[in-house]
Every structure is written in C-alpha cells, then in structure tokens.
Amino acid sequence: MTLYERLSGLKNNDGLTMKAFCEITYKTGYQVATEGMETKNINEAIMYINNYNGNCGVWYSDGIYYIDKSHRITTKREALKVGKEHNQISILKWSNMSLLYV
C-alpha cells in the first residue's frame, strides 16, 4: 500500500506512527511529539512525512492531517517532561493506546 493510499484511508480521529516510512506499534513506552506541521492537503502531508524521513506520527481529524516528529520514550516521567517542554497537550501510552494529558 502506498503512503498516499494509507493516508487517504484514515478515518476521522485515526492515526499511525511511522519509523523509516513503515507503520509501527510498540507494546510499552510513550510516544511524544517535539514539533509538527498540519495541512488539509494530502500531498503536503506526504511532503512533511518525507521531511521527517518517515519518522513521525500522523493524526487525521476533521479534514486536517497533523504530522508530528515524535519519539518513543520508555518512562512516563521523562515522556511527560518532554511533552511539557514542547507544549504538547497529550502523549500516547502504547500499552493501552490511551492519551495522558501533560
């Protein structure tokens, strides 16, 4: 499946995490964004993903693609610290796919 096909298949409030352009999930740890872009244009979204070398998170909500440079961090304490330093609203907890608010 191409990146275009994968992105166009996202439903509202759906997302994915990528490492080297491959979709990835983890059983533990936290995913924290440190910077990001947003666009309504799927081709721009692909460009942003390319700019991050395919190492990013993508969230689709209400017609907007949010592309974040994100990092997996093993401890909750460090993840919350990094999230706060980068003005994030929330971070993803991999074990149950819940959001922790910073």
Protein backbone atom coordinates (compact mmCIF):
# COMPACT_ATOMS: atom_id res chain seq x y z
CA MET A 1 0.00 0.00 0.00
CA THR A 2 1.38 3.40 -0.91
CA LEU A 3 1.68 6.22 1.59
CA TYR A 4 -0.99 8.12 -0.35
CA GLU A 5 -3.38 5.16 -0.07
CA ARG A 6 -2.66 4.73 3.64
CA LEU A 7 -3.27 8.41 4.40
CA SER A 8 -6.40 8.63 2.28
CA GLY A 9 -7.77 5.61 4.17
CA LEU A 10 -7.54 7.27 7.58
CA LYS A 11 -10.91 7.80 9.23
CA ASN A 12 -11.72 10.82 11.38
CA ASN A 13 -9.64 10.75 14.59
CA ASP A 14 -7.46 7.94 13.25
CA GLY A 15 -3.68 7.92 13.11
CA LEU A 16 -0.47 5.99 12.76
CA THR A 17 3.14 6.08 13.85
CA MET A 18 5.94 5.55 11.36
CA LYS A 19 9.59 4.58 11.59
CA ALA A 20 11.58 4.72 8.35
CA PHE A 21 8.30 5.02 6.42
CA CYS A 22 6.90 1.79 7.92
CA GLU A 23 3.92 1.76 10.24
CA ILE A 24 4.97 0.67 13.71
CA THR A 25 3.44 -0.04 17.10
CA TYR A 26 5.02 -0.72 20.46
CA LYS A 27 3.81 -2.67 23.49
CA THR A 28 5.30 -0.31 26.06
CA GLY A 29 6.52 3.24 26.48
CA TYR A 30 5.13 6.55 25.36
CA GLN A 31 5.09 8.47 22.09
CA VAL A 32 5.83 12.18 22.40
CA ALA A 33 5.82 14.86 19.70
CA THR A 34 8.50 17.53 19.71
CA GLU A 35 7.43 19.51 16.63
CA GLY A 36 4.87 19.26 13.90
CA MET A 37 3.01 20.53 10.88
CA GLU A 38 -0.61 20.48 9.82
CA THR A 39 -2.34 20.58 6.47
CA LYS A 40 -5.61 19.77 4.74
CA ASN A 41 -3.73 18.67 1.61
CA ILE A 42 -2.71 15.02 1.44
CA ASN A 43 0.23 15.77 -0.88
CA GLU A 44 1.58 18.32 1.61
CA ALA A 45 1.15 15.73 4.36
CA ILE A 46 3.30 13.33 2.35
CA MET A 47 5.89 16.08 1.85
CA TYR A 48 6.03 16.68 5.63
CA ILE A 49 6.41 12.94 6.25
CA ASN A 50 9.29 12.92 3.75
CA ASN A 51 10.85 15.90 5.56
CA TYR A 52 10.88 13.79 8.74
CA ASN A 53 12.43 10.86 6.84
CA GLY A 54 9.33 8.79 7.56
CA ASN A 55 9.91 9.02 11.33
CA CYS A 56 6.73 10.64 12.60
CA GLY A 57 3.21 10.32 13.83
CA VAL A 58 0.18 11.18 11.71
CA TRP A 59 -3.23 12.09 13.08
CA TYR A 60 -6.25 12.87 10.91
CA SER A 61 -9.07 14.90 12.42
CA ASP A 62 -11.86 16.93 10.81
CA GLY A 63 -10.11 17.08 7.44
CA ILE A 64 -6.71 18.07 8.83
CA TYR A 65 -3.56 15.93 8.79
CA TYR A 66 -1.31 16.55 11.79
CA ILE A 67 2.22 15.32 11.16
CA ASP A 68 4.47 15.29 14.22
CA LYS A 69 8.11 14.48 14.69
CA SER A 70 7.63 12.02 17.51
CA HIS A 71 9.82 9.94 19.74
CA ARG A 72 9.28 6.81 21.81
CA ILE A 73 10.26 7.33 25.42
CA THR A 74 10.29 4.46 27.89
CA THR A 75 9.34 6.18 31.16
CA LYS A 76 6.21 8.13 31.98
CA ARG A 77 8.16 10.74 33.93
CA GLU A 78 10.50 11.53 31.02
CA ALA A 79 7.67 11.44 28.47
CA LEU A 80 5.62 13.95 30.46
CA LYS A 81 8.70 16.16 30.88
CA VAL A 82 9.44 16.17 27.13
CA GLY A 83 5.78 16.73 26.32
CA LYS A 84 5.61 19.72 28.65
CA GLU A 85 8.86 21.18 27.27
CA HIS A 86 7.38 21.04 23.77
CA ASN A 87 3.95 22.42 24.69
CA GLN A 88 2.11 19.20 23.91
CA ILE A 89 -1.46 18.67 25.06
CA SER A 90 -1.08 14.93 25.41
CA ILE A 91 1.19 11.94 24.85
CA LEU A 92 0.32 8.40 23.75
CA LYS A 93 0.68 5.48 26.17
CA TRP A 94 1.44 2.46 23.99
CA SER A 95 0.32 -0.30 26.36
CA ASN A 96 -3.36 0.64 26.10
CA MET A 97 -3.35 3.31 23.38
CA SER A 98 -4.63 5.94 25.80
CA LEU A 99 -3.71 9.59 25.98
CA LEU A 100 -2.02 11.13 29.00
CA TYR A 101 -2.57 14.85 29.31
CA VAL A 102 0.54 16.89 30.04
